[in-house]
Amino acid sequence: MTSRVLVSLRVAAAPERAFAVFTREIGAWWRPNDLFRFTPRGPGIVALDPRLGGAFTETLADGKTFEIGRITAWEPGARLAFTWRQANFACGQTTEVDVRFEPVGEQTRVTVEHRGWDSVPQDHAARHRFPDAVFLQRHGEWWQTLLESYRARMRAEDGSE
């Protein structure tokens, strides 16, 4: 079994709307984390090229762009998946993020599974020398924080906040 993080929450929107805000407005709700950076340089703005095979990127303050990964699933209203790597990952060290949008009554359950951490050695800098369980817990807490920020963005847009 692969090392993975699994988090979810519900948003007050149809799956199509939840997917649109997640993908089109990712740069507005994404919150950098000092512990889990893509590059050693300061945090930038993330963006998705909205199509299968499109890039997931971070544009830094100096205008340079780092490609975090590529979109491997683009199913509006249902599923988004993309590869994820940090600048200090070696060849073959790639993780994958799989985001699902599931209708639950008048809401949508948004579930993020970030898997493949077993491709990154335990002593790798990206893991901060945390034991696997601690690393996955901390990374899961960050994803939960990201999803809370995403939900707040949706509420602000809908005028319910």
N, C-alpha and C. Protein backbone atom coordinates (compact mmCIF):
# COMPACT_ATOMS: atom_id res chain seq x y z
N MET A 1 0.85 -1.19 0.00
CA MET A 1 0.00 0.00 0.00
C MET A 1 0.89 1.25 0.00
N THR A 2 0.43 2.26 -0.67
CA THR A 2 1.18 3.50 -0.81
C THR A 2 0.95 4.43 0.37
N SER A 3 1.95 5.22 0.70
CA SER A 3 1.78 6.25 1.73
C SER A 3 0.88 7.33 1.16
N ARG A 4 -0.18 7.66 1.89
CA ARG A 4 -1.13 8.63 1.36
C ARG A 4 -1.76 9.46 2.45
N VAL A 5 -2.33 10.58 2.01
CA VAL A 5 -3.12 11.47 2.85
C VAL A 5 -4.52 11.47 2.26
N LEU A 6 -5.53 11.42 3.10
CA LEU A 6 -6.92 11.45 2.65
C LEU A 6 -7.70 12.41 3.53
N VAL A 7 -8.23 13.48 2.94
CA VAL A 7 -9.03 14.46 3.67
C VAL A 7 -10.25 14.82 2.83
N SER A 8 -11.31 15.26 3.50
CA SER A 8 -12.49 15.70 2.77
C SER A 8 -13.29 16.68 3.61
N LEU A 9 -14.15 17.41 2.92
CA LEU A 9 -15.11 18.29 3.56
C LEU A 9 -16.26 18.51 2.59
N ARG A 10 -17.30 19.14 3.08
CA ARG A 10 -18.46 19.45 2.23
C ARG A 10 -18.53 20.94 1.98
N VAL A 11 -18.98 21.28 0.79
CA VAL A 11 -19.21 22.68 0.44
C VAL A 11 -20.65 22.82 -0.03
N ALA A 12 -21.21 23.99 0.19
CA ALA A 12 -22.61 24.26 -0.18
C ALA A 12 -22.67 24.70 -1.63
N ALA A 13 -22.50 23.74 -2.53
CA ALA A 13 -22.54 24.01 -3.97
C ALA A 13 -22.72 22.70 -4.72
N ALA A 14 -23.18 22.81 -5.95
CA ALA A 14 -23.26 21.65 -6.82
C ALA A 14 -21.84 21.25 -7.23
N PRO A 15 -21.63 19.99 -7.59
CA PRO A 15 -20.30 19.53 -7.97
C PRO A 15 -19.64 20.35 -9.08
N GLU A 16 -20.41 20.80 -10.06
CA GLU A 16 -19.85 21.58 -11.16
C GLU A 16 -19.27 22.90 -10.65
N ARG A 17 -20.00 23.55 -9.75
CA ARG A 17 -19.53 24.82 -9.17
C ARG A 17 -18.32 24.58 -8.26
N ALA A 18 -18.38 23.52 -7.46
CA ALA A 18 -17.27 23.19 -6.57
C ALA A 18 -16.00 22.94 -7.39
N PHE A 19 -16.13 22.22 -8.48
CA PHE A 19 -14.99 21.93 -9.35
C PHE A 19 -14.45 23.23 -9.96
N ALA A 20 -15.34 24.08 -10.43
CA ALA A 20 -14.92 25.33 -11.08
C ALA A 20 -14.14 26.23 -10.12
N VAL A 21 -14.61 26.38 -8.89
CA VAL A 21 -13.90 27.23 -7.94
C VAL A 21 -12.57 26.58 -7.56
N PHE A 22 -12.56 25.27 -7.38
CA PHE A 22 -11.32 24.58 -7.03
C PHE A 22 -10.27 24.80 -8.11
N THR A 23 -10.64 24.66 -9.36
CA THR A 23 -9.66 24.70 -10.45
C THR A 23 -9.36 26.11 -10.94
N ARG A 24 -10.39 26.91 -11.22
CA ARG A 24 -10.18 28.25 -11.79
C ARG A 24 -9.63 29.24 -10.78
N GLU A 25 -9.96 29.05 -9.51
CA GLU A 25 -9.59 30.04 -8.50
C GLU A 25 -8.57 29.50 -7.49
N ILE A 26 -7.85 28.48 -7.87
CA ILE A 26 -6.89 27.86 -6.96
C ILE A 26 -5.86 28.87 -6.46
N GLY A 27 -5.47 29.82 -7.29
CA GLY A 27 -4.51 30.83 -6.87
C GLY A 27 -5.05 31.76 -5.80
N ALA A 28 -6.38 31.88 -5.69
CA ALA A 28 -6.99 32.76 -4.69
C ALA A 28 -7.15 32.09 -3.33
N TRP A 29 -7.35 30.77 -3.31
CA TRP A 29 -7.59 30.11 -2.02
C TRP A 29 -6.40 29.30 -1.52
N TRP A 30 -5.45 28.98 -2.39
CA TRP A 30 -4.29 28.18 -1.98
C TRP A 30 -3.44 28.96 -0.99
N ARG A 31 -3.06 28.34 0.10
CA ARG A 31 -2.24 28.97 1.13
C ARG A 31 -0.91 28.24 1.22
N PRO A 32 0.19 28.93 0.94
CA PRO A 32 1.50 28.29 1.06
C PRO A 32 1.76 27.87 2.50
N ASN A 33 2.63 26.88 2.64
CA ASN A 33 3.00 26.37 3.95
C ASN A 33 4.52 26.35 4.01
N ASP A 34 5.10 26.96 5.01
CA ASP A 34 6.56 27.02 5.10
C ASP A 34 7.20 25.65 5.19
N LEU A 35 6.50 24.68 5.74
CA LEU A 35 7.05 23.35 5.90
C LEU A 35 7.04 22.57 4.58
N PHE A 36 6.01 22.78 3.77
CA PHE A 36 5.85 22.01 2.54
C PHE A 36 5.89 22.94 1.32
N ARG A 37 7.05 23.39 0.95
CA ARG A 37 7.22 24.29 -0.20
C ARG A 37 7.55 23.50 -1.45
N PHE A 38 7.15 24.05 -2.59
CA PHE A 38 7.50 23.43 -3.87
C PHE A 38 8.95 23.72 -4.22
N THR A 39 9.40 24.94 -3.94
CA THR A 39 10.77 25.34 -4.24
C THR A 39 11.37 25.97 -2.99
N PRO A 40 12.71 26.06 -2.92
CA PRO A 40 13.31 26.71 -1.76
C PRO A 40 13.15 28.22 -1.77
N ARG A 41 12.75 28.77 -2.89
CA ARG A 41 12.50 30.22 -2.97
C ARG A 41 11.16 30.52 -2.32
N GLY A 42 10.85 31.76 -2.11
CA GLY A 42 9.59 32.15 -1.47
C GLY A 42 8.38 31.60 -2.19
N PRO A 43 7.25 31.53 -1.51
CA PRO A 43 6.04 31.00 -2.15
C PRO A 43 5.55 31.91 -3.26
N GLY A 44 4.90 31.29 -4.22
CA GLY A 44 4.33 32.04 -5.34
C GLY A 44 2.84 31.79 -5.44
N ILE A 45 2.32 32.00 -6.64
CA ILE A 45 0.90 31.80 -6.92
C ILE A 45 0.75 30.54 -7.75
N VAL A 46 -0.13 29.63 -7.30
CA VAL A 46 -0.34 28.39 -8.05
C VAL A 46 -1.47 28.58 -9.06
N ALA A 47 -1.40 27.78 -10.13
CA ALA A 47 -2.41 27.84 -11.18
C ALA A 47 -2.48 26.49 -11.87
N LEU A 48 -3.64 26.22 -12.44
CA LEU A 48 -3.85 25.01 -13.23
C LEU A 48 -4.18 25.41 -14.66
N ASP A 49 -3.56 24.76 -15.64
CA ASP A 49 -3.94 24.91 -17.05
C ASP A 49 -5.13 23.96 -17.23
N PRO A 50 -6.34 24.49 -17.39
CA PRO A 50 -7.57 23.70 -17.27
C PRO A 50 -7.86 22.72 -18.42
N ARG A 51 -7.07 21.64 -18.45
CA ARG A 51 -7.28 20.61 -19.47
C ARG A 51 -6.45 19.38 -19.12
N LEU A 52 -6.84 18.25 -19.65
CA LEU A 52 -6.07 17.03 -19.50
C LEU A 52 -4.68 17.28 -20.06
N GLY A 53 -3.65 16.98 -19.30
CA GLY A 53 -2.28 17.21 -19.73
C GLY A 53 -1.77 18.60 -19.40
N GLY A 54 -2.65 19.48 -18.93
CA GLY A 54 -2.25 20.84 -18.58
C GLY A 54 -1.32 20.84 -17.38
N ALA A 55 -0.64 21.94 -17.19
CA ALA A 55 0.35 22.05 -16.12
C ALA A 55 -0.26 22.60 -14.83
N PHE A 56 0.28 22.14 -13.72
CA PHE A 56 0.02 22.70 -12.40
C PHE A 56 1.31 23.42 -12.06
N THR A 57 1.24 24.75 -11.90
CA THR A 57 2.45 25.55 -11.76
C THR A 57 2.40 26.47 -10.54
N GLU A 58 3.58 26.94 -10.16
CA GLU A 58 3.72 27.98 -9.16
C GLU A 58 4.57 29.07 -9.80
N THR A 59 4.02 30.30 -9.86
CA THR A 59 4.76 31.44 -10.39
C THR A 59 5.28 32.25 -9.21
N LEU A 60 6.60 32.40 -9.18
CA LEU A 60 7.26 33.08 -8.06
C LEU A 60 7.27 34.58 -8.26
N ALA A 61 7.60 35.31 -7.21
CA ALA A 61 7.60 36.78 -7.25
C ALA A 61 8.52 37.33 -8.33
N ASP A 62 9.61 36.62 -8.66
CA ASP A 62 10.54 37.09 -9.69
C ASP A 62 10.06 36.76 -11.11
N GLY A 63 8.87 36.16 -11.22
CA GLY A 63 8.30 35.84 -12.53
C GLY A 63 8.64 34.45 -13.03
N LYS A 64 9.55 33.76 -12.37
CA LYS A 64 9.90 32.39 -12.77
C LYS A 64 8.77 31.45 -12.42
N THR A 65 8.59 30.45 -13.27
CA THR A 65 7.53 29.47 -13.06
C THR A 65 8.13 28.10 -12.83
N PHE A 66 7.62 27.42 -11.80
CA PHE A 66 8.02 26.05 -11.51
C PHE A 66 6.84 25.14 -11.82
N GLU A 67 7.09 24.10 -12.61
CA GLU A 67 6.03 23.14 -12.91
C GLU A 67 6.00 22.08 -11.82
N ILE A 68 4.92 22.08 -11.08
CA ILE A 68 4.72 21.12 -9.99
C ILE A 68 4.32 19.77 -10.56
N GLY A 69 3.47 19.80 -11.58
CA GLY A 69 3.01 18.54 -12.16
C GLY A 69 2.13 18.77 -13.37
N ARG A 70 1.51 17.68 -13.79
CA ARG A 70 0.62 17.68 -14.95
C ARG A 70 -0.73 17.08 -14.58
N ILE A 71 -1.77 17.59 -15.20
CA ILE A 71 -3.12 17.11 -14.95
C ILE A 71 -3.30 15.77 -15.64
N THR A 72 -3.66 14.76 -14.84
CA THR A 72 -3.83 13.40 -15.36
C THR A 72 -5.30 12.99 -15.46
N ALA A 73 -6.19 13.76 -14.84
CA ALA A 73 -7.64 13.54 -14.98
C ALA A 73 -8.32 14.89 -14.92
N TRP A 74 -9.18 15.16 -15.88
CA TRP A 74 -9.93 16.42 -15.94
C TRP A 74 -11.36 16.07 -16.29
N GLU A 75 -12.19 15.92 -15.25
CA GLU A 75 -13.59 15.55 -15.41
C GLU A 75 -14.42 16.57 -14.66
N PRO A 76 -14.75 17.71 -15.30
CA PRO A 76 -15.47 18.80 -14.61
C PRO A 76 -16.70 18.29 -13.85
N GLY A 77 -16.76 18.70 -12.60
CA GLY A 77 -17.87 18.31 -11.73
C GLY A 77 -17.70 16.96 -11.08
N ALA A 78 -16.64 16.23 -11.41
CA ALA A 78 -16.47 14.89 -10.86
C ALA A 78 -15.07 14.62 -10.30
N ARG A 79 -14.05 14.91 -11.09
CA ARG A 79 -12.70 14.50 -10.66
C ARG A 79 -11.61 15.33 -11.32
N LEU A 80 -10.58 15.59 -10.53
CA LEU A 80 -9.36 16.24 -10.98
C LEU A 80 -8.20 15.45 -10.38
N ALA A 81 -7.20 15.15 -11.18
CA ALA A 81 -5.99 14.50 -10.66
C ALA A 81 -4.78 15.14 -11.32
N PHE A 82 -3.70 15.24 -10.54
CA PHE A 82 -2.47 15.80 -11.10
C PHE A 82 -1.26 15.23 -10.36
N THR A 83 -0.14 15.20 -11.07
CA THR A 83 1.10 14.78 -10.44
C THR A 83 1.63 15.94 -9.61
N TRP A 84 2.50 15.61 -8.67
CA TRP A 84 3.01 16.60 -7.72
C TRP A 84 4.46 16.25 -7.43
N ARG A 85 5.32 17.23 -7.63
CA ARG A 85 6.72 17.06 -7.26
C ARG A 85 7.24 18.37 -6.71
N GLN A 86 8.22 18.26 -5.87
CA GLN A 86 8.88 19.44 -5.35
C GLN A 86 10.21 19.59 -6.08
N ALA A 87 10.77 20.78 -6.05
CA ALA A 87 11.99 21.06 -6.80
C ALA A 87 13.15 20.13 -6.42
N ASN A 88 13.16 19.66 -5.17
CA ASN A 88 14.26 18.81 -4.75
C ASN A 88 13.97 17.31 -4.90
N PHE A 89 12.91 16.95 -5.60
CA PHE A 89 12.63 15.54 -5.87
C PHE A 89 13.55 15.05 -6.98
N ALA A 90 14.05 13.84 -6.85
CA ALA A 90 14.85 13.22 -7.89
C ALA A 90 13.92 12.63 -8.95
N CYS A 91 14.49 12.25 -10.06
CA CYS A 91 13.72 11.59 -11.11
C CYS A 91 13.02 10.36 -10.51
N GLY A 92 11.76 10.19 -10.81
CA GLY A 92 11.01 9.06 -10.29
C GLY A 92 10.34 9.33 -8.95
N GLN A 93 10.66 10.44 -8.33
CA GLN A 93 10.00 10.80 -7.08
C GLN A 93 8.84 11.74 -7.41
N THR A 94 7.69 11.16 -7.58
CA THR A 94 6.49 11.92 -7.92
C THR A 94 5.34 11.38 -7.09
N THR A 95 4.50 12.29 -6.63
CA THR A 95 3.29 11.89 -5.94
C THR A 95 2.11 12.31 -6.81
N GLU A 96 0.92 11.88 -6.43
CA GLU A 96 -0.27 12.24 -7.20
C GLU A 96 -1.37 12.70 -6.26
N VAL A 97 -2.06 13.74 -6.69
CA VAL A 97 -3.21 14.26 -5.97
C VAL A 97 -4.45 13.92 -6.78
N ASP A 98 -5.43 13.32 -6.13
CA ASP A 98 -6.69 12.94 -6.77
C ASP A 98 -7.81 13.62 -5.99
N VAL A 99 -8.56 14.49 -6.66
CA VAL A 99 -9.63 15.25 -6.01
C VAL A 99 -10.96 14.80 -6.61
N ARG A 100 -11.88 14.41 -5.75
CA ARG A 100 -13.20 13.95 -6.20
C ARG A 100 -14.28 14.88 -5.68
N PHE A 101 -15.29 15.09 -6.50
CA PHE A 101 -16.42 15.97 -6.19
C PHE A 101 -17.67 15.11 -6.25
N GLU A 102 -18.24 14.83 -5.08
CA GLU A 102 -19.37 13.91 -4.99
C GLU A 102 -20.61 14.62 -4.43
N PRO A 103 -21.73 14.58 -5.16
CA PRO A 103 -22.94 15.22 -4.64
C PRO A 103 -23.45 14.51 -3.39
N VAL A 104 -23.81 15.32 -2.39
CA VAL A 104 -24.41 14.81 -1.15
C VAL A 104 -25.56 15.76 -0.85
N GLY A 105 -26.75 15.39 -1.28
CA GLY A 105 -27.89 16.29 -1.15
C GLY A 105 -27.64 17.55 -1.96
N GLU A 106 -27.77 18.71 -1.32
CA GLU A 106 -27.52 19.99 -1.99
C GLU A 106 -26.07 20.45 -1.84
N GLN A 107 -25.25 19.60 -1.28
CA GLN A 107 -23.83 19.92 -1.08
C GLN A 107 -22.96 19.02 -1.94
N THR A 108 -21.66 19.29 -1.87
CA THR A 108 -20.68 18.45 -2.56
C THR A 108 -19.60 18.08 -1.57
N ARG A 109 -19.31 16.78 -1.50
CA ARG A 109 -18.17 16.32 -0.71
C ARG A 109 -16.95 16.40 -1.61
N VAL A 110 -15.95 17.16 -1.17
CA VAL A 110 -14.68 17.29 -1.89
C VAL A 110 -13.66 16.46 -1.12
N THR A 111 -13.12 15.44 -1.78
CA THR A 111 -12.17 14.54 -1.16
C THR A 111 -10.83 14.64 -1.88
N VAL A 112 -9.78 14.85 -1.11
CA VAL A 112 -8.43 14.92 -1.66
C VAL A 112 -7.65 13.72 -1.15
N GLU A 113 -7.11 12.96 -2.09
CA GLU A 113 -6.19 11.88 -1.75
C GLU A 113 -4.84 12.24 -2.36
N HIS A 114 -3.83 12.37 -1.52
CA HIS A 114 -2.47 12.68 -1.99
C HIS A 114 -1.65 11.43 -1.70
N ARG A 115 -1.31 10.71 -2.76
CA ARG A 115 -0.66 9.41 -2.59
C ARG A 115 0.71 9.36 -3.29
N GLY A 116 1.43 8.32 -2.98
CA GLY A 116 2.72 8.09 -3.63
C GLY A 116 3.91 8.56 -2.82
N TRP A 117 3.69 8.88 -1.56
CA TRP A 117 4.80 9.38 -0.75
C TRP A 117 5.85 8.32 -0.50
N ASP A 118 5.53 7.06 -0.75
CA ASP A 118 6.54 6.01 -0.59
C ASP A 118 7.62 6.09 -1.66
N SER A 119 7.41 6.91 -2.71
CA SER A 119 8.46 7.11 -3.72
C SER A 119 9.51 8.11 -3.24
N VAL A 120 9.22 8.78 -2.14
CA VAL A 120 10.13 9.77 -1.57
C VAL A 120 10.74 9.16 -0.31
N PRO A 121 12.07 8.93 -0.31
CA PRO A 121 12.70 8.25 0.84
C PRO A 121 12.46 8.95 2.17
N GLN A 122 12.45 8.15 3.21
CA GLN A 122 12.20 8.65 4.57
C GLN A 122 13.15 9.78 4.95
N ASP A 123 14.39 9.73 4.50
CA ASP A 123 15.36 10.75 4.89
C ASP A 123 15.41 11.95 3.93
N HIS A 124 14.48 12.02 3.00
CA HIS A 124 14.44 13.14 2.04
C HIS A 124 14.07 14.43 2.76
N ALA A 125 14.64 15.54 2.31
CA ALA A 125 14.38 16.85 2.93
C ALA A 125 12.89 17.20 2.93
N ALA A 126 12.14 16.77 1.92
CA ALA A 126 10.71 17.08 1.84
C ALA A 126 9.93 16.48 3.00
N ARG A 127 10.46 15.43 3.59
CA ARG A 127 9.80 14.77 4.72
C ARG A 127 10.25 15.31 6.08
N HIS A 128 11.25 16.17 6.07
CA HIS A 128 11.73 16.82 7.29
C HIS A 128 12.11 15.81 8.39
N ARG A 129 12.52 14.63 7.94
CA ARG A 129 12.95 13.55 8.84
C ARG A 129 11.86 13.11 9.83
N PHE A 130 10.61 13.43 9.51
CA PHE A 130 9.50 12.94 10.33
C PHE A 130 9.30 11.46 10.06
N PRO A 131 8.95 10.67 11.05
CA PRO A 131 8.51 9.30 10.78
C PRO A 131 7.30 9.37 9.84
N ASP A 132 7.08 8.32 9.07
CA ASP A 132 6.03 8.33 8.05
C ASP A 132 4.68 8.78 8.60
N ALA A 133 4.26 8.22 9.73
CA ALA A 133 2.95 8.56 10.29
C ALA A 133 2.86 10.04 10.64
N VAL A 134 3.92 10.60 11.21
CA VAL A 134 3.91 12.01 11.59
C VAL A 134 3.92 12.90 10.34
N PHE A 135 4.74 12.53 9.36
CA PHE A 135 4.78 13.30 8.11
C PHE A 135 3.40 13.33 7.46
N LEU A 136 2.78 12.17 7.33
CA LEU A 136 1.47 12.10 6.69
C LEU A 136 0.42 12.86 7.48
N GLN A 137 0.49 12.81 8.80
CA GLN A 137 -0.45 13.58 9.62
C GLN A 137 -0.28 15.08 9.37
N ARG A 138 0.96 15.56 9.39
CA ARG A 138 1.23 16.99 9.18
C ARG A 138 0.80 17.41 7.78
N HIS A 139 1.09 16.58 6.79
CA HIS A 139 0.70 16.92 5.42
C HIS A 139 -0.83 16.92 5.29
N GLY A 140 -1.47 15.97 5.95
CA GLY A 140 -2.93 15.93 5.96
C GLY A 140 -3.54 17.16 6.62
N GLU A 141 -2.91 17.62 7.69
CA GLU A 141 -3.38 18.85 8.35
C GLU A 141 -3.27 20.03 7.41
N TRP A 142 -2.20 20.09 6.61
CA TRP A 142 -2.06 21.18 5.65
C TRP A 142 -3.15 21.10 4.58
N TRP A 143 -3.41 19.89 4.07
CA TRP A 143 -4.49 19.75 3.08
C TRP A 143 -5.83 20.16 3.69
N GLN A 144 -6.06 19.85 4.94
CA GLN A 144 -7.31 20.25 5.59
C GLN A 144 -7.40 21.76 5.66
N THR A 145 -6.29 22.42 5.99
CA THR A 145 -6.24 23.88 6.01
C THR A 145 -6.52 24.45 4.61
N LEU A 146 -5.95 23.82 3.60
CA LEU A 146 -6.20 24.27 2.22
C LEU A 146 -7.69 24.14 1.87
N LEU A 147 -8.28 23.02 2.23
CA LEU A 147 -9.70 22.83 1.92
C LEU A 147 -10.59 23.81 2.68
N GLU A 148 -10.22 24.15 3.90
CA GLU A 148 -10.98 25.16 4.65
C GLU A 148 -10.88 26.52 3.95
N SER A 149 -9.70 26.85 3.44
CA SER A 149 -9.53 28.10 2.70
C SER A 149 -10.36 28.08 1.42
N TYR A 150 -10.39 26.94 0.76
CA TYR A 150 -11.21 26.76 -0.45
C TYR A 150 -12.69 26.96 -0.11
N ARG A 151 -13.15 26.35 0.98
CA ARG A 151 -14.55 26.50 1.37
C ARG A 151 -14.87 27.96 1.70
N ALA A 152 -13.95 28.66 2.37
CA ALA A 152 -14.15 30.08 2.69
C ALA A 152 -14.25 30.89 1.40
N ARG A 153 -13.46 30.56 0.40
CA ARG A 153 -13.51 31.25 -0.90
C ARG A 153 -14.88 31.06 -1.54
N MET A 154 -15.39 29.85 -1.47
CA MET A 154 -16.72 29.57 -2.04
C MET A 154 -17.79 30.38 -1.32
N ARG A 155 -17.72 30.42 0.00
CA ARG A 155 -18.70 31.17 0.79
C ARG A 155 -18.63 32.66 0.46
N ALA A 156 -17.44 33.20 0.35
CA ALA A 156 -17.26 34.62 0.04
C ALA A 156 -17.84 34.96 -1.32
N GLU A 157 -17.65 34.10 -2.27
CA GLU A 157 -18.19 34.32 -3.62
C GLU A 157 -19.70 34.26 -3.64
N ASP A 158 -20.24 33.38 -2.81
CA ASP A 158 -21.70 33.23 -2.77
C ASP A 158 -22.36 34.26 -1.87
N GLY A 159 -21.55 35.06 -1.18
CA GLY A 159 -22.09 36.10 -0.30
C GLY A 159 -22.63 35.56 1.01
N SER A 160 -22.27 34.32 1.34
CA SER A 160 -22.78 33.73 2.57
C SER A 160 -21.79 33.87 3.72
N GLU A 161 -20.77 34.68 3.54
CA GLU A 161 -19.80 34.87 4.61
C GLU A 161 -19.64 36.33 4.94
